[in-house]
Amino acid sequence: DSSPLKHWYFLGAALAMYLNWQLCTLIGLVFGQAVPNIAAWGLDFAMLATFIGIVVPMLRNRPQVAAALVAGAVALVCHGLPYKLGLMAAAFSGILVGIVLERRYRLLQDEVF
C-alpha cells in the first residue's frame, strides 16, 4: 500500500504489543513471587502442553514429523546432561534430520516431476 502514514501504524502496533509484553512479564514476576509453593501447582506441565499444542499442527510433511520425533527422542535420552545440554542436542539433531530429509524429499520430488 502506498499510504504515507503506514510507518506510524506499524509503530503504534509494535509499541502496543511491546508494552503488553512488558506488562504481562511484570505481572508474572509479581504473581510468581507472591504465590508460595507455585511449583506444586504443576504449571510446568501446562507450558509443555502449550508448546506441544503449538508445534503439532505445524507438522505438515514427513521430514518435519521425523525432525520432531528425533528431537523428542534425543531430548529424552540426553535429559541427564548438565547445563540442560540435552535440549541443545535435541534441537541440533532435530534440525539436522529435518534438513537432510527435506533435501532428500525435494530431490525425490524433482525426479518424479
PDB file of N, CA and C in Angstrom:
ATOM      1  N   ASP A   1       0.844  -1.175   0.000  1.00  0.00           N
ATOM      2  CA  ASP A   1       0.000   0.000   0.000  1.00  0.00           C
ATOM      3  C   ASP A   1       0.887   1.236   0.000  1.00  0.00           C
ATOM      4  N   SER A   2       0.435   2.261  -0.623  1.00  0.00           N
ATOM      5  CA  SER A   2       1.257   3.463  -0.778  1.00  0.00           C
ATOM      6  C   SER A   2       0.918   4.545   0.241  1.00  0.00           C
ATOM      7  N   SER A   3       0.314   4.192   1.337  1.00  0.00           N
ATOM      8  CA  SER A   3      -0.047   5.161   2.360  1.00  0.00           C
ATOM      9  C   SER A   3       1.203   5.813   2.948  1.00  0.00           C
ATOM     10  N   PRO A   4       1.223   7.130   3.028  1.00  0.00           N
ATOM     11  CA  PRO A   4       2.417   7.797   3.557  1.00  0.00           C
ATOM     12  C   PRO A   4       2.530   7.683   5.079  1.00  0.00           C
ATOM     13  N   LEU A   5       1.479   7.235   5.757  1.00  0.00           N
ATOM     14  CA  LEU A   5       1.493   7.168   7.216  1.00  0.00           C
ATOM     15  C   LEU A   5       1.586   5.740   7.756  1.00  0.00           C
ATOM     16  N   LYS A   6       1.936   4.782   6.913  1.00  0.00           N
ATOM     17  CA  LYS A   6       1.937   3.396   7.370  1.00  0.00           C
ATOM     18  C   LYS A   6       3.019   3.134   8.416  1.00  0.00           C
ATOM     19  N   HIS A   7       4.085   3.895   8.428  1.00  0.00           N
ATOM     20  CA  HIS A   7       5.114   3.711   9.449  1.00  0.00           C
ATOM     21  C   HIS A   7       4.577   4.060  10.836  1.00  0.00           C
ATOM     22  N   TRP A   8       3.649   5.016  10.919  1.00  0.00           N
ATOM     23  CA  TRP A   8       3.046   5.350  12.212  1.00  0.00           C
ATOM     24  C   TRP A   8       2.121   4.218  12.681  1.00  0.00           C
ATOM     25  N   TYR A   9       1.439   3.603  11.747  1.00  0.00           N
ATOM     26  CA  TYR A   9       0.596   2.455  12.083  1.00  0.00           C
ATOM     27  C   TYR A   9       1.455   1.319  12.637  1.00  0.00           C
ATOM     28  N   PHE A  10       2.562   1.033  11.970  1.00  0.00           N
ATOM     29  CA  PHE A  10       3.462  -0.006  12.435  1.00  0.00           C
ATOM     30  C   PHE A  10       4.033   0.342  13.810  1.00  0.00           C
ATOM     31  N   LEU A  11       4.440   1.578  14.003  1.00  0.00           N
ATOM     32  CA  LEU A  11       4.979   1.999  15.294  1.00  0.00           C
ATOM     33  C   LEU A  11       3.947   1.829  16.397  1.00  0.00           C
ATOM     34  N   GLY A  12       2.706   2.238  16.145  1.00  0.00           N
ATOM     35  CA  GLY A  12       1.649   2.093  17.147  1.00  0.00           C
ATOM     36  C   GLY A  12       1.369   0.637  17.482  1.00  0.00           C
ATOM     37  N   ALA A  13       1.302  -0.224  16.473  1.00  0.00           N
ATOM     38  CA  ALA A  13       1.048  -1.641  16.714  1.00  0.00           C
ATOM     39  C   ALA A  13       2.202  -2.280  17.471  1.00  0.00           C
ATOM     40  N   ALA A  14       3.430  -1.994  17.055  1.00  0.00           N
ATOM     41  CA  ALA A  14       4.601  -2.574  17.712  1.00  0.00           C
ATOM     42  C   ALA A  14       4.722  -2.079  19.149  1.00  0.00           C
ATOM     43  N   LEU A  15       4.470  -0.820  19.377  1.00  0.00           N
ATOM     44  CA  LEU A  15       4.545  -0.263  20.722  1.00  0.00           C
ATOM     45  C   LEU A  15       3.481  -0.879  21.630  1.00  0.00           C
ATOM     46  N   ALA A  16       2.270  -1.051  21.115  1.00  0.00           N
ATOM     47  CA  ALA A  16       1.208  -1.671  21.912  1.00  0.00           C
ATOM     48  C   ALA A  16       1.572  -3.110  22.279  1.00  0.00           C
ATOM     49  N   MET A  17       2.111  -3.858  21.321  1.00  0.00           N
ATOM     50  CA  MET A  17       2.498  -5.243  21.621  1.00  0.00           C
ATOM     51  C   MET A  17       3.662  -5.289  22.612  1.00  0.00           C
ATOM     52  N   TYR A  18       4.625  -4.411  22.462  1.00  0.00           N
ATOM     53  CA  TYR A  18       5.778  -4.398  23.356  1.00  0.00           C
ATOM     54  C   TYR A  18       5.348  -4.034  24.782  1.00  0.00           C
ATOM     55  N   LEU A  19       4.507  -3.029  24.917  1.00  0.00           N
ATOM     56  CA  LEU A  19       4.044  -2.643  26.246  1.00  0.00           C
ATOM     57  C   LEU A  19       3.218  -3.753  26.893  1.00  0.00           C
ATOM     58  N   ASN A  20       2.404  -4.436  26.095  1.00  0.00           N
ATOM     59  CA  ASN A  20       1.638  -5.561  26.616  1.00  0.00           C
ATOM     60  C   ASN A  20       2.564  -6.671  27.094  1.00  0.00           C
ATOM     61  N   TRP A  21       3.590  -6.946  26.340  1.00  0.00           N
ATOM     62  CA  TRP A  21       4.569  -7.969  26.710  1.00  0.00           C
ATOM     63  C   TRP A  21       5.243  -7.600  28.035  1.00  0.00           C
ATOM     64  N   GLN A  22       5.674  -6.355  28.161  1.00  0.00           N
ATOM     65  CA  GLN A  22       6.336  -5.910  29.390  1.00  0.00           C
ATOM     66  C   GLN A  22       5.395  -5.955  30.586  1.00  0.00           C
ATOM     67  N   LEU A  23       4.150  -5.541  30.392  1.00  0.00           N
ATOM     68  CA  LEU A  23       3.171  -5.563  31.475  1.00  0.00           C
ATOM     69  C   LEU A  23       2.887  -6.990  31.929  1.00  0.00           C
ATOM     70  N   CYS A  24       2.703  -7.896  30.993  1.00  0.00           N
ATOM     71  CA  CYS A  24       2.441  -9.291  31.349  1.00  0.00           C
ATOM     72  C   CYS A  24       3.651  -9.933  32.026  1.00  0.00           C
ATOM     73  N   THR A  25       4.854  -9.560  31.609  1.00  0.00           N
ATOM     74  CA  THR A  25       6.054 -10.058  32.273  1.00  0.00           C
ATOM     75  C   THR A  25       6.118  -9.559  33.708  1.00  0.00           C
ATOM     76  N   LEU A  26       5.808  -8.305  33.920  1.00  0.00           N
ATOM     77  CA  LEU A  26       5.795  -7.740  35.266  1.00  0.00           C
ATOM     78  C   LEU A  26       4.740  -8.428  36.138  1.00  0.00           C
ATOM     79  N   ILE A  27       3.566  -8.651  35.587  1.00  0.00           N
ATOM     80  CA  ILE A  27       2.512  -9.352  36.336  1.00  0.00           C
ATOM     81  C   ILE A  27       2.977 -10.764  36.700  1.00  0.00           C
ATOM     82  N   GLY A  28       3.630 -11.441  35.762  1.00  0.00           N
ATOM     83  CA  GLY A  28       4.148 -12.778  36.035  1.00  0.00           C
ATOM     84  C   GLY A  28       5.200 -12.775  37.124  1.00  0.00           C
ATOM     85  N   LEU A  29       6.077 -11.794  37.106  1.00  0.00           N
ATOM     86  CA  LEU A  29       7.109 -11.703  38.141  1.00  0.00           C
ATOM     87  C   LEU A  29       6.494 -11.459  39.518  1.00  0.00           C
ATOM     88  N   VAL A  30       5.569 -10.536  39.588  1.00  0.00           N
ATOM     89  CA  VAL A  30       4.931 -10.220  40.870  1.00  0.00           C
ATOM     90  C   VAL A  30       4.098 -11.401  41.358  1.00  0.00           C
ATOM     91  N   PHE A  31       3.307 -11.967  40.476  1.00  0.00           N
ATOM     92  CA  PHE A  31       2.450 -13.090  40.851  1.00  0.00           C
ATOM     93  C   PHE A  31       3.286 -14.305  41.241  1.00  0.00           C
ATOM     94  N   GLY A  32       4.350 -14.564  40.510  1.00  0.00           N
ATOM     95  CA  GLY A  32       5.208 -15.706  40.803  1.00  0.00           C
ATOM     96  C   GLY A  32       5.888 -15.590  42.158  1.00  0.00           C
ATOM     97  N   GLN A  33       6.222 -14.380  42.559  1.00  0.00           N
ATOM     98  CA  GLN A  33       6.850 -14.173  43.859  1.00  0.00           C
ATOM     99  C   GLN A  33       5.832 -14.149  44.995  1.00  0.00           C
ATOM    100  N   ALA A  34       4.602 -13.776  44.698  1.00  0.00           N
ATOM    101  CA  ALA A  34       3.583 -13.636  45.736  1.00  0.00           C
ATOM    102  C   ALA A  34       2.936 -14.962  46.118  1.00  0.00           C
ATOM    103  N   VAL A  35       2.967 -15.928  45.234  1.00  0.00           N
ATOM    104  CA  VAL A  35       2.299 -17.203  45.498  1.00  0.00           C
ATOM    105  C   VAL A  35       3.318 -18.185  46.069  1.00  0.00           C
ATOM    106  N   PRO A  36       3.072 -18.673  47.280  1.00  0.00           N
ATOM    107  CA  PRO A  36       4.020 -19.632  47.846  1.00  0.00           C
ATOM    108  C   PRO A  36       3.855 -21.015  47.217  1.00  0.00           C
ATOM    109  N   ASN A  37       4.963 -21.698  47.025  1.00  0.00           N
ATOM    110  CA  ASN A  37       4.986 -23.072  46.525  1.00  0.00           C
ATOM    111  C   ASN A  37       4.222 -23.222  45.203  1.00  0.00           C
ATOM    112  N   ILE A  38       4.485 -22.332  44.282  1.00  0.00           N
ATOM    113  CA  ILE A  38       3.775 -22.368  42.996  1.00  0.00           C
ATOM    114  C   ILE A  38       4.165 -23.594  42.170  1.00  0.00           C
ATOM    115  N   ALA A  39       5.325 -24.172  42.439  1.00  0.00           N
ATOM    116  CA  ALA A  39       5.763 -25.361  41.699  1.00  0.00           C
ATOM    117  C   ALA A  39       4.836 -26.543  41.949  1.00  0.00           C
ATOM    118  N   ALA A  40       4.167 -26.564  43.092  1.00  0.00           N
ATOM    119  CA  ALA A  40       3.265 -27.668  43.412  1.00  0.00           C
ATOM    120  C   ALA A  40       1.995 -27.641  42.567  1.00  0.00           C
ATOM    121  N   TRP A  41       1.731 -26.560  41.877  1.00  0.00           N
ATOM    122  CA  TRP A  41       0.526 -26.446  41.051  1.00  0.00           C
ATOM    123  C   TRP A  41       0.645 -27.245  39.760  1.00  0.00           C
ATOM    124  N   GLY A  42       1.852 -27.597  39.373  1.00  0.00           N
ATOM    125  CA  GLY A  42       2.051 -28.364  38.149  1.00  0.00           C
ATOM    126  C   GLY A  42       1.951 -27.529  36.884  1.00  0.00           C
ATOM    127  N   LEU A  43       2.272 -26.259  36.980  1.00  0.00           N
ATOM    128  CA  LEU A  43       2.187 -25.386  35.808  1.00  0.00           C
ATOM    129  C   LEU A  43       3.274 -25.672  34.780  1.00  0.00           C
ATOM    130  N   ASP A  44       4.328 -26.375  35.198  1.00  0.00           N
ATOM    131  CA  ASP A  44       5.368 -26.713  34.236  1.00  0.00           C
ATOM    132  C   ASP A  44       4.815 -27.645  33.164  1.00  0.00           C
ATOM    133  N   PHE A  45       3.866 -28.500  33.521  1.00  0.00           N
ATOM    134  CA  PHE A  45       3.231 -29.354  32.522  1.00  0.00           C
ATOM    135  C   PHE A  45       2.355 -28.534  31.577  1.00  0.00           C
ATOM    136  N   ALA A  46       1.716 -27.499  32.079  1.00  0.00           N
ATOM    137  CA  ALA A  46       0.879 -26.648  31.232  1.00  0.00           C
ATOM    138  C   ALA A  46       1.729 -25.983  30.143  1.00  0.00           C
ATOM    139  N   MET A  47       2.941 -25.593  30.486  1.00  0.00           N
ATOM    140  CA  MET A  47       3.812 -24.985  29.482  1.00  0.00           C
ATOM    141  C   MET A  47       4.204 -26.018  28.424  1.00  0.00           C
ATOM    142  N   LEU A  48       4.487 -27.224  28.862  1.00  0.00           N
ATOM    143  CA  LEU A  48       4.824 -28.295  27.930  1.00  0.00           C
ATOM    144  C   LEU A  48       3.640 -28.602  27.008  1.00  0.00           C
ATOM    145  N   ALA A  49       2.444 -28.693  27.572  1.00  0.00           N
ATOM    146  CA  ALA A  49       1.253 -28.975  26.767  1.00  0.00           C
ATOM    147  C   ALA A  49       0.979 -27.846  25.771  1.00  0.00           C
ATOM    148  N   THR A  50       1.205 -26.608  26.185  1.00  0.00           N
ATOM    149  CA  THR A  50       1.021 -25.472  25.285  1.00  0.00           C
ATOM    150  C   THR A  50       2.001 -25.544  24.123  1.00  0.00           C
ATOM    151  N   PHE A  51       3.259 -25.860  24.412  1.00  0.00           N
ATOM    152  CA  PHE A  51       4.270 -25.974  23.366  1.00  0.00           C
ATOM    153  C   PHE A  51       3.909 -27.079  22.381  1.00  0.00           C
ATOM    154  N   ILE A  52       3.479 -28.219  22.895  1.00  0.00           N
ATOM    155  CA  ILE A  52       3.075 -29.323  22.020  1.00  0.00           C
ATOM    156  C   ILE A  52       1.882 -28.900  21.163  1.00  0.00           C
ATOM    157  N   GLY A  53       0.944 -28.192  21.759  1.00  0.00           N
ATOM    158  CA  GLY A  53      -0.225 -27.720  21.022  1.00  0.00           C
ATOM    159  C   GLY A  53       0.120 -26.733  19.924  1.00  0.00           C
ATOM    160  N   ILE A  54       1.203 -26.011  20.088  1.00  0.00           N
ATOM    161  CA  ILE A  54       1.640 -25.068  19.058  1.00  0.00           C
ATOM    162  C   ILE A  54       2.393 -25.803  17.944  1.00  0.00           C
ATOM    163  N   VAL A  55       3.235 -26.768  18.322  1.00  0.00           N
ATOM    164  CA  VAL A  55       4.113 -27.417  17.353  1.00  0.00           C
ATOM    165  C   VAL A  55       3.385 -28.440  16.488  1.00  0.00           C
ATOM    166  N   VAL A  56       2.574 -29.290  17.091  1.00  0.00           N
ATOM    167  CA  VAL A  56       1.974 -30.415  16.359  1.00  0.00           C
ATOM    168  C   VAL A  56       1.168 -29.968  15.129  1.00  0.00           C
ATOM    169  N   PRO A  57       0.333 -28.945  15.207  1.00  0.00           N
ATOM    170  CA  PRO A  57      -0.392 -28.547  13.991  1.00  0.00           C
ATOM    171  C   PRO A  57       0.503 -28.003  12.873  1.00  0.00           C
ATOM    172  N   MET A  58       1.734 -27.626  13.221  1.00  0.00           N
ATOM    173  CA  MET A  58       2.640 -27.083  12.212  1.00  0.00           C
ATOM    174  C   MET A  58       3.375 -28.183  11.438  1.00  0.00           C
ATOM    175  N   LEU A  59       3.280 -29.433  11.880  1.00  0.00           N
ATOM    176  CA  LEU A  59       3.961 -30.538  11.209  1.00  0.00           C
ATOM    177  C   LEU A  59       3.139 -30.951  10.001  1.00  0.00           C
ATOM    178  N   ARG A  60       3.629 -30.648   8.817  1.00  0.00           N
ATOM    179  CA  ARG A  60       2.833 -30.834   7.605  1.00  0.00           C
ATOM    180  C   ARG A  60       3.344 -31.932   6.671  1.00  0.00           C
ATOM    181  N   ASN A  61       4.595 -32.341   6.815  1.00  0.00           N
ATOM    182  CA  ASN A  61       5.116 -33.393   5.940  1.00  0.00           C
ATOM    183  C   ASN A  61       6.021 -34.332   6.728  1.00  0.00           C
ATOM    184  N   ARG A  62       6.469 -35.387   6.081  1.00  0.00           N
ATOM    185  CA  ARG A  62       7.252 -36.422   6.772  1.00  0.00           C
ATOM    186  C   ARG A  62       8.588 -35.915   7.313  1.00  0.00           C
ATOM    187  N   PRO A  63       9.339 -35.102   6.587  1.00  0.00           N
ATOM    188  CA  PRO A  63      10.591 -34.603   7.168  1.00  0.00           C
ATOM    189  C   PRO A  63      10.367 -33.788   8.454  1.00  0.00           C
ATOM    190  N   GLN A  64       9.304 -33.019   8.502  1.00  0.00           N
ATOM    191  CA  GLN A  64       9.012 -32.243   9.706  1.00  0.00           C
ATOM    192  C   GLN A  64       8.644 -33.151  10.871  1.00  0.00           C
ATOM    193  N   VAL A  65       7.825 -34.169  10.597  1.00  0.00           N
ATOM    194  CA  VAL A  65       7.437 -35.117  11.643  1.00  0.00           C
ATOM    195  C   VAL A  65       8.665 -35.874  12.139  1.00  0.00           C
ATOM    196  N   ALA A  66       9.514 -36.308  11.219  1.00  0.00           N
ATOM    197  CA  ALA A  66      10.724 -37.031  11.601  1.00  0.00           C
ATOM    198  C   ALA A  66      11.641 -36.152  12.445  1.00  0.00           C
ATOM    199  N   ALA A  67      11.789 -34.890  12.076  1.00  0.00           N
ATOM    200  CA  ALA A  67      12.633 -33.974  12.848  1.00  0.00           C
ATOM    201  C   ALA A  67      12.095 -33.801  14.262  1.00  0.00           C
ATOM    202  N   ALA A  68      10.783 -33.671  14.390  1.00  0.00           N
ATOM    203  CA  ALA A  68      10.181 -33.517  15.716  1.00  0.00           C
ATOM    204  C   ALA A  68      10.350 -34.780  16.550  1.00  0.00           C
ATOM    205  N   LEU A  69      10.166 -35.940  15.940  1.00  0.00           N
ATOM    206  CA  LEU A  69      10.321 -37.193  16.672  1.00  0.00           C
ATOM    207  C   LEU A  69      11.763 -37.424  17.112  1.00  0.00           C
ATOM    208  N   VAL A  70      12.716 -37.140  16.228  1.00  0.00           N
ATOM    209  CA  VAL A  70      14.127 -37.294  16.581  1.00  0.00           C
ATOM    210  C   VAL A  70      14.505 -36.319  17.697  1.00  0.00           C
ATOM    211  N   ALA A  71      14.062 -35.091  17.588  1.00  0.00           N
ATOM    212  CA  ALA A  71      14.370 -34.106  18.630  1.00  0.00           C
ATOM    213  C   ALA A  71      13.776 -34.539  19.967  1.00  0.00           C
ATOM    214  N   GLY A  72      12.554 -35.049  19.958  1.00  0.00           N
ATOM    215  CA  GLY A  72      11.942 -35.525  21.196  1.00  0.00           C
ATOM    216  C   GLY A  72      12.681 -36.708  21.786  1.00  0.00           C
ATOM    217  N   ALA A  73      13.085 -37.637  20.946  1.00  0.00           N
ATOM    218  CA  ALA A  73      13.813 -38.816  21.431  1.00  0.00           C
ATOM    219  C   ALA A  73      15.172 -38.417  22.000  1.00  0.00           C
ATOM    220  N   VAL A  74      15.882 -37.541  21.311  1.00  0.00           N
ATOM    221  CA  VAL A  74      17.193 -37.098  21.798  1.00  0.00           C
ATOM    222  C   VAL A  74      17.036 -36.316  23.102  1.00  0.00           C
ATOM    223  N   ALA A  75      15.992 -35.529  23.228  1.00  0.00           N
ATOM    224  CA  ALA A  75      15.749 -34.792  24.477  1.00  0.00           C
ATOM    225  C   ALA A  75      15.539 -35.757  25.638  1.00  0.00           C
ATOM    226  N   LEU A  76      14.811 -36.838  25.390  1.00  0.00           N
ATOM    227  CA  LEU A  76      14.593 -37.828  26.446  1.00  0.00           C
ATOM    228  C   LEU A  76      15.886 -38.567  26.797  1.00  0.00           C
ATOM    229  N   VAL A  77      16.630 -38.966  25.787  1.00  0.00           N
ATOM    230  CA  VAL A  77      17.871 -39.718  26.023  1.00  0.00           C
ATOM    231  C   VAL A  77      18.916 -38.846  26.716  1.00  0.00           C
ATOM    232  N   CYS A  78      18.994 -37.591  26.340  1.00  0.00           N
ATOM    233  CA  CYS A  78      20.035 -36.696  26.857  1.00  0.00           C
ATOM    234  C   CYS A  78      19.562 -35.829  28.026  1.00  0.00           C
ATOM    235  N   HIS A  79      18.462 -36.188  28.634  1.00  0.00           N
ATOM    236  CA  HIS A  79      17.889 -35.382  29.717  1.00  0.00           C
ATOM    237  C   HIS A  79      18.866 -35.192  30.881  1.00  0.00           C
ATOM    238  N   GLY A  80      19.692 -36.163  31.138  1.00  0.00           N
ATOM    239  CA  GLY A  80      20.587 -36.098  32.283  1.00  0.00           C
ATOM    240  C   GLY A  80      21.847 -35.283  32.077  1.00  0.00           C
ATOM    241  N   LEU A  81      22.060 -34.760  30.909  1.00  0.00           N
ATOM    242  CA  LEU A  81      23.273 -33.969  30.664  1.00  0.00           C
ATOM    243  C   LEU A  81      23.259 -32.686  31.491  1.00  0.00           C
ATOM    244  N   PRO A  82      24.425 -32.237  31.935  1.00  0.00           N
ATOM    245  CA  PRO A  82      24.468 -30.998  32.727  1.00  0.00           C
ATOM    246  C   PRO A  82      24.166 -29.771  31.881  1.00  0.00           C
ATOM    247  N   TYR A  83      23.795 -28.713  32.558  1.00  0.00           N
ATOM    248  CA  TYR A  83      23.530 -27.410  31.941  1.00  0.00           C
ATOM    249  C   TYR A  83      22.435 -27.477  30.883  1.00  0.00           C
ATOM    250  N   LYS A  84      21.571 -28.453  30.989  1.00  0.00           N
ATOM    251  CA  LYS A  84      20.479 -28.658  30.026  1.00  0.00           C
ATOM    252  C   LYS A  84      20.991 -28.760  28.593  1.00  0.00           C
ATOM    253  N   LEU A  85      22.141 -29.374  28.441  1.00  0.00           N
ATOM    254  CA  LEU A  85      22.707 -29.565  27.114  1.00  0.00           C
ATOM    255  C   LEU A  85      21.887 -30.538  26.286  1.00  0.00           C
ATOM    256  N   GLY A  86      21.040 -31.335  26.947  1.00  0.00           N
ATOM    257  CA  GLY A  86      20.162 -32.248  26.223  1.00  0.00           C
ATOM    258  C   GLY A  86      19.218 -31.500  25.296  1.00  0.00           C
ATOM    259  N   LEU A  87      18.769 -30.321  25.723  1.00  0.00           N
ATOM    260  CA  LEU A  87      17.891 -29.516  24.861  1.00  0.00           C
ATOM    261  C   LEU A  87      18.635 -29.019  23.631  1.00  0.00           C
ATOM    262  N   MET A  88      19.889 -28.644  23.830  1.00  0.00           N
ATOM    263  CA  MET A  88      20.688 -28.202  22.689  1.00  0.00           C
ATOM    264  C   MET A  88      20.941 -29.362  21.729  1.00  0.00           C
ATOM    265  N   ALA A  89      21.256 -30.534  22.299  1.00  0.00           N
ATOM    266  CA  ALA A  89      21.480 -31.712  21.458  1.00  0.00           C
ATOM    267  C   ALA A  89      20.212 -32.081  20.710  1.00  0.00           C
ATOM    268  N   ALA A  90      19.070 -31.984  21.373  1.00  0.00           N
ATOM    269  CA  ALA A  90      17.801 -32.307  20.730  1.00  0.00           C
ATOM    270  C   ALA A  90      17.494 -31.331  19.600  1.00  0.00           C
ATOM    271  N   ALA A  91      17.691 -30.050  19.857  1.00  0.00           N
ATOM    272  CA  ALA A  91      17.430 -29.048  18.823  1.00  0.00           C
ATOM    273  C   ALA A  91      18.356 -29.260  17.629  1.00  0.00           C
ATOM    274  N   PHE A  92      19.636 -29.460  17.897  1.00  0.00           N
ATOM    275  CA  PHE A  92      20.597 -29.659  16.818  1.00  0.00           C
ATOM    276  C   PHE A  92      20.274 -30.905  16.001  1.00  0.00           C
ATOM    277  N   SER A  93      19.959 -32.006  16.682  1.00  0.00           N
ATOM    278  CA  SER A  93      19.666 -33.243  15.956  1.00  0.00           C
ATOM    279  C   SER A  93      18.367 -33.127  15.162  1.00  0.00           C
ATOM    280  N   GLY A  94      17.359 -32.479  15.736  1.00  0.00           N
ATOM    281  CA  GLY A  94      16.108 -32.284  15.001  1.00  0.00           C
ATOM    282  C   GLY A  94      16.303 -31.441  13.761  1.00  0.00           C
ATOM    283  N   ILE A  95      17.073 -30.367  13.898  1.00  0.00           N
ATOM    284  CA  ILE A  95      17.360 -29.501  12.746  1.00  0.00           C
ATOM    285  C   ILE A  95      18.138 -30.271  11.681  1.00  0.00           C
ATOM    286  N   LEU A  96      19.139 -31.022  12.112  1.00  0.00           N
ATOM    287  CA  LEU A  96      19.954 -31.778  11.168  1.00  0.00           C
ATOM    288  C   LEU A  96      19.125 -32.811  10.409  1.00  0.00           C
ATOM    289  N   VAL A  97      18.325 -33.577  11.128  1.00  0.00           N
ATOM    290  CA  VAL A  97      17.467 -34.580  10.484  1.00  0.00           C
ATOM    291  C   VAL A  97      16.465 -33.908   9.558  1.00  0.00           C
ATOM    292  N   GLY A  98      15.896 -32.808   9.988  1.00  0.00           N
ATOM    293  CA  GLY A  98      14.933 -32.094   9.154  1.00  0.00           C
ATOM    294  C   GLY A  98      15.545 -31.597   7.861  1.00  0.00           C
ATOM    295  N   ILE A  99      16.740 -31.044   7.940  1.00  0.00           N
ATOM    296  CA  ILE A  99      17.411 -30.528   6.740  1.00  0.00           C
ATOM    297  C   ILE A  99      17.749 -31.655   5.778  1.00  0.00           C
ATOM    298  N   VAL A 100      18.335 -32.730   6.309  1.00  0.00           N
ATOM    299  CA  VAL A 100      18.722 -33.858   5.448  1.00  0.00           C
ATOM    300  C   VAL A 100      17.505 -34.459   4.767  1.00  0.00           C
ATOM    301  N   LEU A 101      16.454 -34.729   5.537  1.00  0.00           N
ATOM    302  CA  LEU A 101      15.262 -35.345   4.947  1.00  0.00           C
ATOM    303  C   LEU A 101      14.521 -34.396   4.009  1.00  0.00           C
ATOM    304  N   GLU A 102      14.533 -33.128   4.312  1.00  0.00           N
ATOM    305  CA  GLU A 102      13.880 -32.155   3.426  1.00  0.00           C
ATOM    306  C   GLU A 102      14.597 -32.095   2.079  1.00  0.00           C
ATOM    307  N   ARG A 103      15.922 -32.142   2.101  1.00  0.00           N
ATOM    308  CA  ARG A 103      16.678 -32.142   0.838  1.00  0.00           C
ATOM    309  C   ARG A 103      16.398 -33.400   0.037  1.00  0.00           C
ATOM    310  N   ARG A 104      16.374 -34.545   0.709  1.00  0.00           N
ATOM    311  CA  ARG A 104      16.056 -35.799   0.007  1.00  0.00           C
ATOM    312  C   ARG A 104      14.634 -35.771  -0.529  1.00  0.00           C
ATOM    313  N   TYR A 105      13.721 -35.235   0.247  1.00  0.00           N
ATOM    314  CA  TYR A 105      12.318 -35.130  -0.157  1.00  0.00           C
ATOM    315  C   TYR A 105      12.185 -34.283  -1.420  1.00  0.00           C
ATOM    316  N   ARG A 106      12.910 -33.171  -1.448  1.00  0.00           N
ATOM    317  CA  ARG A 106      12.872 -32.293  -2.629  1.00  0.00           C
ATOM    318  C   ARG A 106      13.512 -32.963  -3.835  1.00  0.00           C
ATOM    319  N   LEU A 107      14.634 -33.691  -3.630  1.00  0.00           N
ATOM    320  CA  LEU A 107      15.280 -34.389  -4.731  1.00  0.00           C
ATOM    321  C   LEU A 107      14.349 -35.442  -5.329  1.00  0.00           C
ATOM    322  N   LEU A 108      13.642 -36.163  -4.475  1.00  0.00           N
ATOM    323  CA  LEU A 108      12.694 -37.168  -4.967  1.00  0.00           C
ATOM    324  C   LEU A 108      11.553 -36.529  -5.736  1.00  0.00           C
ATOM    325  N   GLN A 109      11.073 -35.387  -5.278  1.00  0.00           N
ATOM    326  CA  GLN A 109      10.001 -34.700  -5.995  1.00  0.00           C
ATOM    327  C   GLN A 109      10.492 -34.193  -7.351  1.00  0.00           C
ATOM    328  N   ASP A 110      11.734 -33.711  -7.409  1.00  0.00           N
ATOM    329  CA  ASP A 110      12.285 -33.226  -8.675  1.00  0.00           C
ATOM    330  C   ASP A 110      12.446 -34.361  -9.684  1.00  0.00           C
ATOM    331  N   GLU A 111      12.817 -35.559  -9.188  1.00  0.00           N
ATOM    332  CA  GLU A 111      12.985 -36.699 -10.076  1.00  0.00           C
ATOM    333  C   GLU A 111      11.648 -37.203 -10.615  1.00  0.00           C
ATOM    334  N   VAL A 112      10.604 -37.129  -9.801  1.00  0.00           N
ATOM    335  CA  VAL A 112       9.296 -37.617 -10.215  1.00  0.00           C
ATOM    336  C   VAL A 112       8.682 -36.679 -11.248  1.00  0.00           C
ATOM    337  N   PHE A 113       8.862 -35.394 -11.056  1.00  0.00           N
ATOM    338  CA  PHE A 113       8.252 -34.428 -11.975  1.00  0.00           C
ATOM    339  C   PHE A 113       9.273 -34.015 -12.963  1.00  0.00           C
TER     340      PHE A 113
END
